[in-house]
Amino acid sequence: MAAKKENKVVSLTEAVQMIHDGDTLAVQGMGTQISPLALIREMIRARKRSLTVAMIMGGIGLDWMIAAGCVKRVLAIIINLDEFGLAHAFRRAVEAGQVAMEEYTEHQLLSRLSAGAKGLPFLVTRSGLGSAVVDLHPQTTKVIECPFTGQKVVACKALEPDVAILHAHRADAYGNVQFFPKPIWADVDIFPRAAKRVIVTVEEIVDNEEIRRTPLHTGLPYFKVDAVVEVPYGAHPCSLYPRYSFDRTFFEHYARVSRTPEGTKEFLDEYIFGPTSHVDYLARKAGVEALLRIRHWC
């Protein structure tokens, strides 16, 4: 489907239908920075279950998914709320045995995804040698001997997610996706190439001619994208550099109330299950004051 040059614009509801219970989901995100949170909220409302989530750095969106019962396993290097502290729902779920955690070094996880993107059974790295991280998951990482040098390296088994979800600045209807000033993090590059299906939410959909005028900003070509959704402020409360900053007040509120299961449930009921749409969420829960507050990068 992705290889076709056709109109791929869908709604959030339609996009979520491409994600199935039990899927392995690669999710863009770096702490308080860019993540497809509008799509994650819609996925939670659709009550997806038994997902395996791969992230470089899991943050607030992953914590919501875990609190809502969507996730059974996490593959990541770290999970937290950045400067705002622990991801409490994640911590509680792992400690209770409700969610399994596979901890990797950053390069181990990227090597697994890169192998999947290249159609290779595995790739090697030196990352993690001499540590216990390799021993945490012998089914996916093994120390082997290089056949050319005899040196020890870590073999990382290929990972091919069922779906990758991302947020970006803009795209055309065909799925040519642009980032400004350019893609910054490795997940934007590797996740879509490794995944079988790719869903991208964007701040705006523009004409193909506009995309062609600034080709250097195109981070994803149409043949790697299966669906595009226009969602202004789709990363809120995370940032979308340089368009808007993260919502500090929102993060502080969630970090405080999520310390207890009861507070977390109340948050989900109010901010995720309560709004009937993304527009409703922006109007009632993000609020005009918040959107004005974050419109300048800080």
Protein backbone atom coordinates (compact mmCIF):
# COMPACT_ATOMS: atom_id res chain seq x y z
CA MET A 1 0.00 0.00 0.00
CA ALA A 2 2.72 2.51 0.98
CA ALA A 3 4.46 2.35 -2.41
CA LYS A 4 1.40 3.73 -4.20
CA LYS A 5 1.25 7.42 -5.06
CA GLU A 6 -2.32 8.03 -3.94
CA ASN A 7 -4.26 10.10 -1.46
CA LYS A 8 -3.36 8.75 1.98
CA VAL A 9 -5.14 11.34 4.13
CA VAL A 10 -7.26 9.72 6.83
CA SER A 11 -8.81 10.67 10.17
CA LEU A 12 -7.34 9.76 13.54
CA THR A 13 -10.06 7.14 13.95
CA GLU A 14 -9.24 5.57 10.60
CA ALA A 15 -5.51 5.63 11.31
CA VAL A 16 -5.93 3.80 14.60
CA GLN A 17 -7.76 1.00 12.78
CA MET A 18 -4.40 0.18 11.16
CA ILE A 19 -3.03 -0.73 14.60
CA HIS A 20 -4.12 -4.15 15.82
CA ASP A 21 -4.13 -5.80 19.24
CA GLY A 22 -0.85 -7.64 19.76
CA ASP A 23 1.12 -5.46 17.31
CA THR A 24 4.69 -4.32 17.86
CA LEU A 25 4.54 -0.54 17.73
CA ALA A 26 7.55 1.74 17.15
CA VAL A 27 6.77 5.13 18.68
CA GLN A 28 8.71 8.32 18.06
CA GLY A 29 9.62 10.26 21.20
CA MET A 30 12.42 11.82 23.21
CA GLY A 31 11.23 12.83 26.67
CA THR A 32 9.43 16.17 26.35
CA GLN A 33 10.18 16.38 22.62
CA ILE A 34 8.17 15.49 19.53
CA SER A 35 5.86 12.48 19.82
CA PRO A 36 2.53 11.58 18.12
CA LEU A 37 0.43 12.14 21.23
CA ALA A 38 -2.87 12.92 19.49
CA LEU A 39 -2.65 9.52 17.81
CA ILE A 40 -1.73 7.88 21.11
CA ARG A 41 -4.77 9.42 22.81
CA GLU A 42 -6.99 8.12 20.00
CA MET A 43 -5.40 4.69 20.32
CA ILE A 44 -6.12 4.64 24.04
CA ARG A 45 -9.74 5.60 23.42
CA ALA A 46 -9.94 2.70 20.94
CA ARG A 47 -8.77 0.44 23.83
CA LYS A 48 -5.96 -1.30 21.97
CA ARG A 49 -4.46 -4.19 23.93
CA SER A 50 -1.35 -6.38 24.26
CA LEU A 51 0.94 -4.01 22.38
CA THR A 52 4.73 -4.29 22.40
CA VAL A 53 6.12 -0.75 22.27
CA ALA A 54 9.63 0.09 21.04
CA MET A 55 10.97 3.57 21.83
CA ILE A 56 14.39 5.10 22.18
CA MET A 57 13.25 7.13 25.18
CA GLY A 58 9.75 6.46 26.46
CA GLY A 59 7.87 9.34 28.00
CA ILE A 60 4.43 10.66 28.83
CA GLY A 61 2.61 8.98 25.93
CA LEU A 62 3.95 5.55 26.85
CA ASP A 63 3.01 6.15 30.48
CA TRP A 64 -0.57 6.91 29.37
CA MET A 65 -0.74 3.75 27.26
CA ILE A 66 0.50 1.62 30.14
CA ALA A 67 -1.90 3.22 32.62
CA ALA A 68 -4.77 2.54 30.19
CA GLY A 69 -3.84 -1.15 29.86
CA CYS A 70 -2.69 -1.02 26.22
CA VAL A 71 0.84 -2.37 26.67
CA LYS A 72 2.26 -5.77 27.59
CA ARG A 73 5.98 -5.25 26.78
CA VAL A 74 8.37 -2.29 26.37
CA LEU A 75 11.66 -2.18 24.46
CA ALA A 76 13.62 0.97 25.31
CA ILE A 77 16.77 2.49 26.75
CA ILE A 78 15.02 4.60 29.37
CA ILE A 79 11.49 5.54 30.46
CA ASN A 80 10.82 8.78 32.34
CA LEU A 81 9.24 12.22 32.16
CA ASP A 82 12.56 13.92 31.51
CA GLU A 83 13.15 16.75 33.99
CA PHE A 84 9.75 16.06 35.60
CA GLY A 85 10.81 12.76 37.12
CA LEU A 86 9.65 9.17 37.02
CA ALA A 87 7.03 7.67 34.74
CA HIS A 88 4.93 6.40 37.61
CA ALA A 89 2.42 4.24 35.71
CA PHE A 90 5.31 2.48 33.96
CA ARG A 91 7.13 1.88 37.24
CA ARG A 92 4.05 0.50 38.98
CA ALA A 93 3.17 -1.82 36.09
CA VAL A 94 6.70 -3.26 35.79
CA GLU A 95 7.02 -3.74 39.55
CA ALA A 96 3.65 -5.54 39.60
CA GLY A 97 4.64 -7.81 36.71
CA GLN A 98 1.90 -6.40 34.48
CA VAL A 99 4.34 -5.08 31.85
CA ALA A 100 7.63 -6.68 30.77
CA MET A 101 10.63 -4.41 30.20
CA GLU A 102 13.47 -5.15 27.78
CA GLU A 103 16.26 -2.68 28.48
CA TYR A 104 18.80 -2.03 25.74
CA THR A 105 21.60 0.40 25.15
CA GLU A 106 20.64 2.97 22.55
CA HIS A 107 22.90 1.48 19.91
CA GLN A 108 21.69 -2.07 20.58
CA LEU A 109 18.08 -1.07 19.97
CA LEU A 110 18.98 1.00 16.91
CA SER A 111 21.02 -1.94 15.60
CA ARG A 112 18.01 -4.24 15.95
CA LEU A 113 15.83 -1.78 14.04
CA SER A 114 18.52 -1.08 11.43
CA ALA A 115 18.86 -4.80 10.77
CA GLY A 116 15.10 -4.97 10.25
CA ALA A 117 15.22 -1.98 7.91
CA LYS A 118 17.98 -3.57 5.83
CA GLY A 119 16.45 -7.04 5.67
CA LEU A 120 19.34 -8.56 7.62
CA PRO A 121 19.00 -11.19 10.36
CA PHE A 122 21.15 -9.14 12.74
CA LEU A 123 23.70 -6.33 13.00
CA VAL A 124 26.63 -6.05 15.39
CA THR A 125 27.79 -3.37 17.79
CA ARG A 126 30.31 -3.00 20.63
CA SER A 127 27.71 -1.20 22.71
CA GLY A 128 27.03 -3.03 25.97
CA LEU A 129 30.18 -5.16 26.00
CA GLY A 130 31.41 -5.64 29.54
CA SER A 131 28.00 -4.88 31.02
CA ALA A 132 25.10 -7.03 32.14
CA VAL A 133 22.73 -5.47 29.61
CA VAL A 134 23.56 -8.12 26.99
CA ASP A 135 22.54 -10.88 29.39
CA LEU A 136 19.09 -9.38 29.99
CA HIS A 137 17.71 -10.71 26.69
CA PRO A 138 19.77 -13.62 25.30
CA GLN A 139 17.02 -14.24 22.74
CA THR A 140 17.84 -10.94 20.98
CA THR A 141 21.44 -10.02 21.90
CA LYS A 142 24.45 -12.35 21.97
CA VAL A 143 28.20 -11.82 22.26
CA ILE A 144 29.90 -13.40 19.25
CA GLU A 145 33.39 -13.45 17.76
CA CYS A 146 34.04 -11.41 14.62
CA PRO A 147 35.09 -13.85 11.85
CA PHE A 148 37.59 -11.31 10.50
CA THR A 149 39.30 -9.88 13.59
CA GLY A 150 38.44 -12.30 16.37
CA GLN A 151 37.14 -9.41 18.48
CA LYS A 152 34.06 -9.77 20.64
CA VAL A 153 30.97 -7.94 19.37
CA VAL A 154 27.28 -7.93 20.29
CA ALA A 155 24.95 -9.42 17.68
CA CYS A 156 21.53 -7.73 17.77
CA LYS A 157 18.58 -9.63 16.27
CA ALA A 158 16.53 -7.80 13.65
CA LEU A 159 13.37 -6.04 14.83
CA GLU A 160 10.59 -5.28 12.31
CA PRO A 161 7.73 -3.44 14.02
CA ASP A 162 4.24 -3.94 12.67
CA VAL A 163 3.58 -0.20 12.77
CA ALA A 164 5.62 2.98 13.25
CA ILE A 165 3.86 6.16 14.37
CA LEU A 166 5.37 9.64 14.12
CA HIS A 167 4.51 13.33 14.19
CA ALA A 168 5.99 15.90 11.80
CA HIS A 169 5.63 19.47 10.61
CA ARG A 170 3.83 18.88 7.33
CA ALA A 171 3.14 16.48 4.45
CA ASP A 172 1.31 16.31 1.18
CA ALA A 173 -1.64 14.00 0.53
CA TYR A 174 0.65 11.36 -0.97
CA GLY A 175 2.67 11.02 2.25
CA ASN A 176 5.82 12.99 1.47
CA VAL A 177 6.67 14.13 5.00
CA GLN A 178 8.76 17.16 5.92
CA PHE A 179 10.59 18.17 9.10
CA PHE A 180 11.88 21.67 9.83
CA PRO A 181 14.67 22.44 9.81
CA LYS A 182 15.39 18.71 9.30
CA PRO A 183 14.90 15.34 11.04
CA ILE A 184 16.89 15.43 14.27
CA TRP A 185 16.51 12.08 16.03
CA ALA A 186 17.42 8.62 14.76
CA ASP A 187 13.93 7.23 15.40
CA VAL A 188 12.49 9.38 12.58
CA ASP A 189 14.95 7.80 10.15
CA ILE A 190 15.07 4.17 11.29
CA PHE A 191 11.55 3.43 12.61
CA PRO A 192 9.70 3.98 9.31
CA ARG A 193 12.26 2.00 7.31
CA ALA A 194 12.03 -0.96 9.69
CA ALA A 195 8.24 -1.02 10.13
CA LYS A 196 5.69 -2.79 7.94
CA ARG A 197 3.18 0.08 8.17
CA VAL A 198 3.81 3.78 8.84
CA ILE A 199 1.33 6.36 10.15
CA VAL A 200 2.33 10.03 10.35
CA THR A 201 0.40 12.85 11.96
CA VAL A 202 1.32 16.35 10.82
CA GLU A 203 0.58 19.94 11.73
CA GLU A 204 -0.65 20.66 8.22
CA ILE A 205 -1.20 19.07 4.82
CA VAL A 206 0.09 21.12 1.90
CA ASP A 207 0.11 20.78 -1.88
CA ASN A 208 2.66 18.51 -3.52
CA GLU A 209 4.07 21.56 -5.32
CA GLU A 210 4.92 23.12 -1.95
CA ILE A 211 6.81 19.96 -0.93
CA ARG A 212 8.72 20.00 -4.21
CA ARG A 213 9.84 23.60 -3.59
CA THR A 214 11.73 22.57 -0.42
CA PRO A 215 12.96 19.00 -1.04
CA LEU A 216 15.78 19.18 1.50
CA HIS A 217 13.20 19.15 4.31
CA THR A 218 11.61 15.89 3.15
CA GLY A 219 12.49 13.24 5.71
CA LEU A 220 10.09 10.53 4.54
CA PRO A 221 9.12 9.85 0.91
CA TYR A 222 5.59 8.83 -0.01
CA PHE A 223 6.51 5.19 -0.66
CA LYS A 224 7.36 4.67 3.03
CA VAL A 225 4.11 6.14 4.39
CA ASP A 226 0.73 4.38 4.60
CA ALA A 227 -1.42 7.09 6.20
CA VAL A 228 -1.27 10.81 6.93
CA VAL A 229 -3.44 12.67 9.45
CA GLU A 230 -3.65 16.45 9.76
CA VAL A 231 -3.54 17.19 13.49
CA PRO A 232 -2.53 20.72 14.57
CA TYR A 233 -0.69 20.65 17.89
CA GLY A 234 -0.61 16.87 17.51
CA ALA A 235 2.47 16.54 19.72
CA HIS A 236 0.98 18.46 22.69
CA PRO A 237 2.04 18.48 25.50
CA CYS A 238 5.40 17.61 23.90
CA SER A 239 7.26 20.08 21.72
CA LEU A 240 7.63 20.37 17.97
CA TYR A 241 10.81 22.34 17.41
CA PRO A 242 10.83 25.13 16.37
CA ARG A 243 7.06 25.49 15.99
CA TYR A 244 6.12 25.18 19.66
CA SER A 245 7.67 24.28 22.98
CA PHE A 246 6.60 21.60 25.44
CA ASP A 247 3.85 22.49 27.91
CA ARG A 248 5.65 22.74 31.24
CA THR A 249 2.47 23.34 33.24
CA PHE A 250 0.85 20.24 31.73
CA PHE A 251 3.87 18.05 32.46
CA GLU A 252 4.09 19.30 36.03
CA HIS A 253 0.41 18.51 36.55
CA TYR A 254 0.69 14.98 35.18
CA ALA A 255 3.90 14.24 37.11
CA ARG A 256 2.12 15.26 40.29
CA VAL A 257 -1.24 13.48 39.87
CA SER A 258 0.24 10.28 38.37
CA ARG A 259 2.04 9.45 41.62
CA THR A 260 -1.00 7.37 42.60
CA PRO A 261 -3.15 4.95 40.58
CA GLU A 262 -6.24 6.94 41.57
CA GLY A 263 -4.74 10.22 40.34
CA THR A 264 -3.64 8.60 37.09
CA LYS A 265 -7.13 7.22 36.44
CA GLU A 266 -8.69 10.62 37.08
CA PHE A 267 -6.24 12.16 34.63
CA LEU A 268 -7.05 9.62 31.91
CA ASP A 269 -10.79 10.11 32.44
CA GLU A 270 -10.47 13.88 32.18
CA TYR A 271 -7.83 14.39 29.50
CA ILE A 272 -8.08 11.30 27.28
CA PHE A 273 -11.44 9.58 27.64
CA GLY A 274 -13.31 12.82 28.34
CA PRO A 275 -12.65 14.80 25.13
CA THR A 276 -14.66 13.55 22.15
CA SER A 277 -12.04 14.59 19.59
CA HIS A 278 -8.62 16.22 19.23
CA VAL A 279 -10.30 19.58 18.67
CA ASP A 280 -12.29 19.07 21.86
CA TYR A 281 -9.07 18.17 23.69
CA LEU A 282 -7.35 21.37 22.49
CA ALA A 283 -10.35 23.52 23.40
CA ARG A 284 -11.19 22.05 26.79
CA LYS A 285 -8.01 20.48 28.14
CA ALA A 286 -5.01 22.07 26.47
CA GLY A 287 -6.75 25.45 26.29
CA VAL A 288 -6.08 28.65 24.39
CA GLU A 289 -3.86 29.95 27.17
CA ALA A 290 -1.60 26.89 26.95
CA LEU A 291 -1.36 27.02 23.16
CA LEU A 292 -0.41 30.69 23.31
CA ARG A 293 2.09 29.94 26.05
CA ILE A 294 3.96 27.28 24.07
CA ARG A 295 3.92 28.95 20.65
CA HIS A 296 7.42 30.37 21.17
CA TRP A 297 10.31 27.97 21.65
CA CYS A 298 11.93 28.28 25.07
